[in-house]
Structure formats: structure tokens, C-alpha cells
Amino acid sequence: MTRSFMIAFAAATVLASAPAMAQSSTTTTTTREVGTTGSITIAPEQRTKIKEYVMKEKRASRPAPSGFTVSTGATLPADVELYTFGSDVGVKEYRYTVIGNRTVLVEPGSRRIVQVIE
């Protein structure tokens, strides 16, 4: 073999193995079924835990921002503060706020309302 061929072969071998070496972690994606309105289904016992937690925390209810209607699928304005649930509630993927004495469950990344609990 010629020297230039051996160098090219060695370089190709290193480059071919680079993606395998760079891949050091596994990503798991979970999905959930969402209706056309963007709502989620919450089991009655989970709903009870959420209500009890929100009552215990005594977050002040705020009025809806001017021109905003609280509804499933709506995007919550950025100036509305979101709160996390305690680990005992078991709702890690959502945040909440209280608007007009209603608990509003929100996807934190998109700020999309996924459930309004009366």
C-alpha cells in the first residue's frame, strides 16, 4: 500500500467512528395524547390532589389579563407567574397559576393552557 492510501484509510476510519464516539447519552421522548383543543385528561384522584395542593399553597387569585380569555389551548401571557407543584402531587410536567379563582394548568415551555380546573 502506498503511504497516501494508508493515511486516507486511517483518516476515513477515524471519521467513520466519530459519530459513535460522540454519542454518549440516550434521549427518551415520551408522548401523550392531546385532543384538538390541546386539553389533557386528568383522573379524578389527580384532580383532587391538585385542588388540595393549590388550596394549601393559598396562591392569590389574579384577574385575567386585559383582553385575555382563560381557555384550554390559549397561550398564557409572559407576565403571569407560574408555580410548580410539590412532588406529592405527581404533576411534574405542568405548572399552574390561579386566575379568576380557577386553577390553570400550563405547559411551561409553550405557556399553553392544557386544563382549567373550576
C-alpha atoms as a PDB file:
ATOM      1  CA  MET A   1       0.000   0.000   0.000  1.00  0.00           C
ATOM      2  CA  THR A   2       1.139   3.489  -0.679  1.00  0.00           C
ATOM      3  CA  ARG A   3       1.710   5.946   2.115  1.00  0.00           C
ATOM      4  CA  SER A   4      -1.033   8.353   0.912  1.00  0.00           C
ATOM      5  CA  PHE A   5      -3.531   5.476   0.681  1.00  0.00           C
ATOM      6  CA  MET A   6      -2.731   4.392   4.263  1.00  0.00           C
ATOM      7  CA  ILE A   7      -3.174   7.970   5.548  1.00  0.00           C
ATOM      8  CA  ALA A   8      -6.502   8.315   3.699  1.00  0.00           C
ATOM      9  CA  PHE A   9      -7.659   4.939   5.047  1.00  0.00           C
ATOM     10  CA  ALA A  10      -6.710   5.883   8.616  1.00  0.00           C
ATOM     11  CA  ALA A  11      -8.483   9.256   8.311  1.00  0.00           C
ATOM     12  CA  ALA A  12     -11.630   7.605   6.933  1.00  0.00           C
ATOM     13  CA  THR A  13     -11.626   5.087   9.793  1.00  0.00           C
ATOM     14  CA  VAL A  14     -11.343   7.839  12.404  1.00  0.00           C
ATOM     15  CA  LEU A  15     -14.083   9.935  10.774  1.00  0.00           C
ATOM     16  CA  ALA A  16     -16.406   6.951  10.449  1.00  0.00           C
ATOM     17  CA  SER A  17     -16.092   6.172  14.142  1.00  0.00           C
ATOM     18  CA  ALA A  18     -16.520   9.802  15.316  1.00  0.00           C
ATOM     19  CA  PRO A  19     -20.345   9.754  15.449  1.00  0.00           C
ATOM     20  CA  ALA A  20     -20.286   6.599  17.542  1.00  0.00           C
ATOM     21  CA  MET A  21     -17.783   8.100  19.973  1.00  0.00           C
ATOM     22  CA  ALA A  22     -19.701  11.394  20.223  1.00  0.00           C
ATOM     23  CA  GLN A  23     -22.917   9.624  21.109  1.00  0.00           C
ATOM     24  CA  SER A  24     -22.575   9.162  24.847  1.00  0.00           C
ATOM     25  CA  SER A  25     -26.142   9.524  26.106  1.00  0.00           C
ATOM     26  CA  THR A  26     -29.588   8.242  25.317  1.00  0.00           C
ATOM     27  CA  THR A  27     -32.587  10.506  24.894  1.00  0.00           C
ATOM     28  CA  THR A  28     -36.021   9.160  25.635  1.00  0.00           C
ATOM     29  CA  THR A  29     -39.024  11.008  24.285  1.00  0.00           C
ATOM     30  CA  THR A  30     -42.435  10.434  25.756  1.00  0.00           C
ATOM     31  CA  THR A  31     -45.649  11.462  24.108  1.00  0.00           C
ATOM     32  CA  ARG A  32     -49.131  11.957  25.372  1.00  0.00           C
ATOM     33  CA  GLU A  33     -52.382  12.127  23.541  1.00  0.00           C
ATOM     34  CA  VAL A  34     -53.784  15.613  23.287  1.00  0.00           C
ATOM     35  CA  GLY A  35     -57.206  16.468  21.956  1.00  0.00           C
ATOM     36  CA  THR A  36     -57.726  19.009  19.195  1.00  0.00           C
ATOM     37  CA  THR A  37     -58.256  21.742  21.790  1.00  0.00           C
ATOM     38  CA  GLY A  38     -54.932  20.982  23.448  1.00  0.00           C
ATOM     39  CA  SER A  39     -56.556  19.688  26.625  1.00  0.00           C
ATOM     40  CA  ILE A  40     -55.371  16.765  28.693  1.00  0.00           C
ATOM     41  CA  THR A  41     -57.339  14.251  30.694  1.00  0.00           C
ATOM     42  CA  ILE A  42     -56.783  14.259  34.442  1.00  0.00           C
ATOM     43  CA  ALA A  43     -58.038  11.362  36.552  1.00  0.00           C
ATOM     44  CA  PRO A  44     -60.447  12.334  39.356  1.00  0.00           C
ATOM     45  CA  GLU A  45     -57.956  11.388  42.112  1.00  0.00           C
ATOM     46  CA  GLN A  46     -55.258  13.511  40.433  1.00  0.00           C
ATOM     47  CA  ARG A  47     -57.676  16.427  40.142  1.00  0.00           C
ATOM     48  CA  THR A  48     -58.386  16.126  43.882  1.00  0.00           C
ATOM     49  CA  LYS A  49     -54.647  16.202  44.677  1.00  0.00           C
ATOM     50  CA  ILE A  50     -54.209  19.290  42.508  1.00  0.00           C
ATOM     51  CA  LYS A  51     -57.122  21.129  44.150  1.00  0.00           C
ATOM     52  CA  GLU A  52     -55.905  20.262  47.657  1.00  0.00           C
ATOM     53  CA  TYR A  53     -52.360  21.370  46.859  1.00  0.00           C
ATOM     54  CA  VAL A  54     -53.464  24.697  45.374  1.00  0.00           C
ATOM     55  CA  MET A  55     -55.725  25.383  48.364  1.00  0.00           C
ATOM     56  CA  LYS A  56     -52.892  24.528  50.785  1.00  0.00           C
ATOM     57  CA  GLU A  57     -50.481  26.865  48.976  1.00  0.00           C
ATOM     58  CA  LYS A  58     -53.025  29.730  49.090  1.00  0.00           C
ATOM     59  CA  ARG A  59     -51.831  31.407  45.910  1.00  0.00           C
ATOM     60  CA  ALA A  60     -53.655  34.676  45.372  1.00  0.00           C
ATOM     61  CA  SER A  61     -56.108  34.631  42.510  1.00  0.00           C
ATOM     62  CA  ARG A  62     -55.422  37.288  39.950  1.00  0.00           C
ATOM     63  CA  PRO A  63     -57.826  38.682  37.394  1.00  0.00           C
ATOM     64  CA  ALA A  64     -57.386  37.641  33.785  1.00  0.00           C
ATOM     65  CA  PRO A  65     -55.033  39.980  31.921  1.00  0.00           C
ATOM     66  CA  SER A  66     -56.781  42.627  29.857  1.00  0.00           C
ATOM     67  CA  GLY A  67     -58.111  41.173  26.621  1.00  0.00           C
ATOM     68  CA  PHE A  68     -57.236  37.589  27.629  1.00  0.00           C
ATOM     69  CA  THR A  69     -59.779  34.808  27.971  1.00  0.00           C
ATOM     70  CA  VAL A  70     -58.806  31.818  30.100  1.00  0.00           C
ATOM     71  CA  SER A  71     -59.462  28.765  27.960  1.00  0.00           C
ATOM     72  CA  THR A  72     -57.822  25.465  27.130  1.00  0.00           C
ATOM     73  CA  GLY A  73     -55.357  25.885  24.280  1.00  0.00           C
ATOM     74  CA  ALA A  74     -54.784  29.608  24.876  1.00  0.00           C
ATOM     75  CA  THR A  75     -51.242  30.855  25.436  1.00  0.00           C
ATOM     76  CA  LEU A  76     -50.782  32.495  28.805  1.00  0.00           C
ATOM     77  CA  PRO A  77     -49.110  35.931  28.688  1.00  0.00           C
ATOM     78  CA  ALA A  78     -45.485  36.048  29.847  1.00  0.00           C
ATOM     79  CA  ASP A  79     -46.251  38.361  32.784  1.00  0.00           C
ATOM     80  CA  VAL A  80     -48.438  35.744  34.510  1.00  0.00           C
ATOM     81  CA  GLU A  81     -46.395  33.938  37.175  1.00  0.00           C
ATOM     82  CA  LEU A  82     -46.365  30.135  37.083  1.00  0.00           C
ATOM     83  CA  TYR A  83     -45.880  27.903  40.131  1.00  0.00           C
ATOM     84  CA  THR A  84     -44.579  24.349  40.439  1.00  0.00           C
ATOM     85  CA  PHE A  85     -46.414  21.514  42.139  1.00  0.00           C
ATOM     86  CA  GLY A  86     -44.937  19.648  45.085  1.00  0.00           C
ATOM     87  CA  SER A  87     -43.599  16.172  44.418  1.00  0.00           C
ATOM     88  CA  ASP A  88     -46.546  14.632  46.292  1.00  0.00           C
ATOM     89  CA  VAL A  89     -48.960  15.866  43.608  1.00  0.00           C
ATOM     90  CA  GLY A  90     -47.234  13.954  40.808  1.00  0.00           C
ATOM     91  CA  VAL A  91     -47.654  16.603  38.103  1.00  0.00           C
ATOM     92  CA  LYS A  92     -44.039  17.337  37.162  1.00  0.00           C
ATOM     93  CA  GLU A  93     -44.622  18.288  33.532  1.00  0.00           C
ATOM     94  CA  TYR A  94     -47.024  21.176  34.217  1.00  0.00           C
ATOM     95  CA  ARG A  95     -47.064  24.421  36.162  1.00  0.00           C
ATOM     96  CA  TYR A  96     -50.083  26.258  37.480  1.00  0.00           C
ATOM     97  CA  THR A  97     -51.464  29.659  38.277  1.00  0.00           C
ATOM     98  CA  VAL A  98     -54.769  30.878  39.688  1.00  0.00           C
ATOM     99  CA  ILE A  99     -56.833  33.219  37.535  1.00  0.00           C
ATOM    100  CA  GLY A 100     -60.362  34.256  38.461  1.00  0.00           C
ATOM    101  CA  ASN A 101     -60.453  31.656  41.262  1.00  0.00           C
ATOM    102  CA  ARG A 102     -59.762  28.882  38.749  1.00  0.00           C
ATOM    103  CA  THR A 103     -56.633  26.740  38.729  1.00  0.00           C
ATOM    104  CA  VAL A 104     -54.987  26.863  35.321  1.00  0.00           C
ATOM    105  CA  LEU A 105     -52.573  24.070  34.323  1.00  0.00           C
ATOM    106  CA  VAL A 106     -49.914  25.217  31.867  1.00  0.00           C
ATOM    107  CA  GLU A 107     -47.143  23.637  29.767  1.00  0.00           C
ATOM    108  CA  PRO A 108     -44.174  25.700  30.980  1.00  0.00           C
ATOM    109  CA  GLY A 109     -42.231  25.766  27.704  1.00  0.00           C
ATOM    110  CA  SER A 110     -45.061  26.970  25.486  1.00  0.00           C
ATOM    111  CA  ARG A 111     -47.182  28.553  28.276  1.00  0.00           C
ATOM    112  CA  ARG A 112     -50.177  26.860  26.641  1.00  0.00           C
ATOM    113  CA  ILE A 113     -53.138  26.179  28.936  1.00  0.00           C
ATOM    114  CA  VAL A 114     -53.844  22.443  28.992  1.00  0.00           C
ATOM    115  CA  GLN A 115     -56.566  22.353  31.665  1.00  0.00           C
ATOM    116  CA  VAL A 116     -58.746  24.776  33.607  1.00  0.00           C
ATOM    117  CA  ILE A 117     -59.937  23.381  36.922  1.00  0.00           C
ATOM    118  CA  GLU A 118     -63.015  25.032  38.387  1.00  0.00           C
END
